[in-house]
Amino acid sequence: MDYISPYGAAPGDPYVDDNEALEIDGSIPPAQFFNDAQAELLNVITGAGLVPSSADLTQLRQAIQNMIIAGGKTVKITGAVFEGTVADGNPVRWDAGAGEYVKALADGTAANRAVGFADVTNAEVIYFGLTRADLFAGLTPGAREYLS
């Protein structure tokens, strides 16, 4: 989207408010301004798979959230072993000394930084975040791998 100057102004001039006391005329936005801004917003909304509606003024936010979620990657570590008190959905950290995943605590220490969420039922840890394409190259699906 290119900057669209006020009607009758030089390229790049800013928009100004009307000020009768100082005899300053307010800027007049050209139709192209509204058309371009609306087209940009509609492209975001429809690009996220939503149908534009004047009854829903949260569609831009929804579209941005949908695109952020769609851009994320999920990595599952299978064959995970959990400490006995860990339940599905708990944030977990790897305890190298015990050789298992334990509950992560929100105490600010490095030892308790969460690496993912427990799926105890399926013996998996779900890691979240973007990963490089080569990060897990060479790992065997279903095998237990140790990351350090």
Foldseek 3Di string as FASTA:
>chain_A
DDDADFPPDDPPDDFDDDDVVVRDHGTHHDPVVVVVVVVVQVCLLVVQPHDDDPVDPCSSVVSVVSVVVVPKDKDKAAQAAADPVADFFAFWDQDVVVRHIYGADPPPDPRRDGQATDPPVRRMGIGIGDDDPCPCPPDDPPDHDDDD
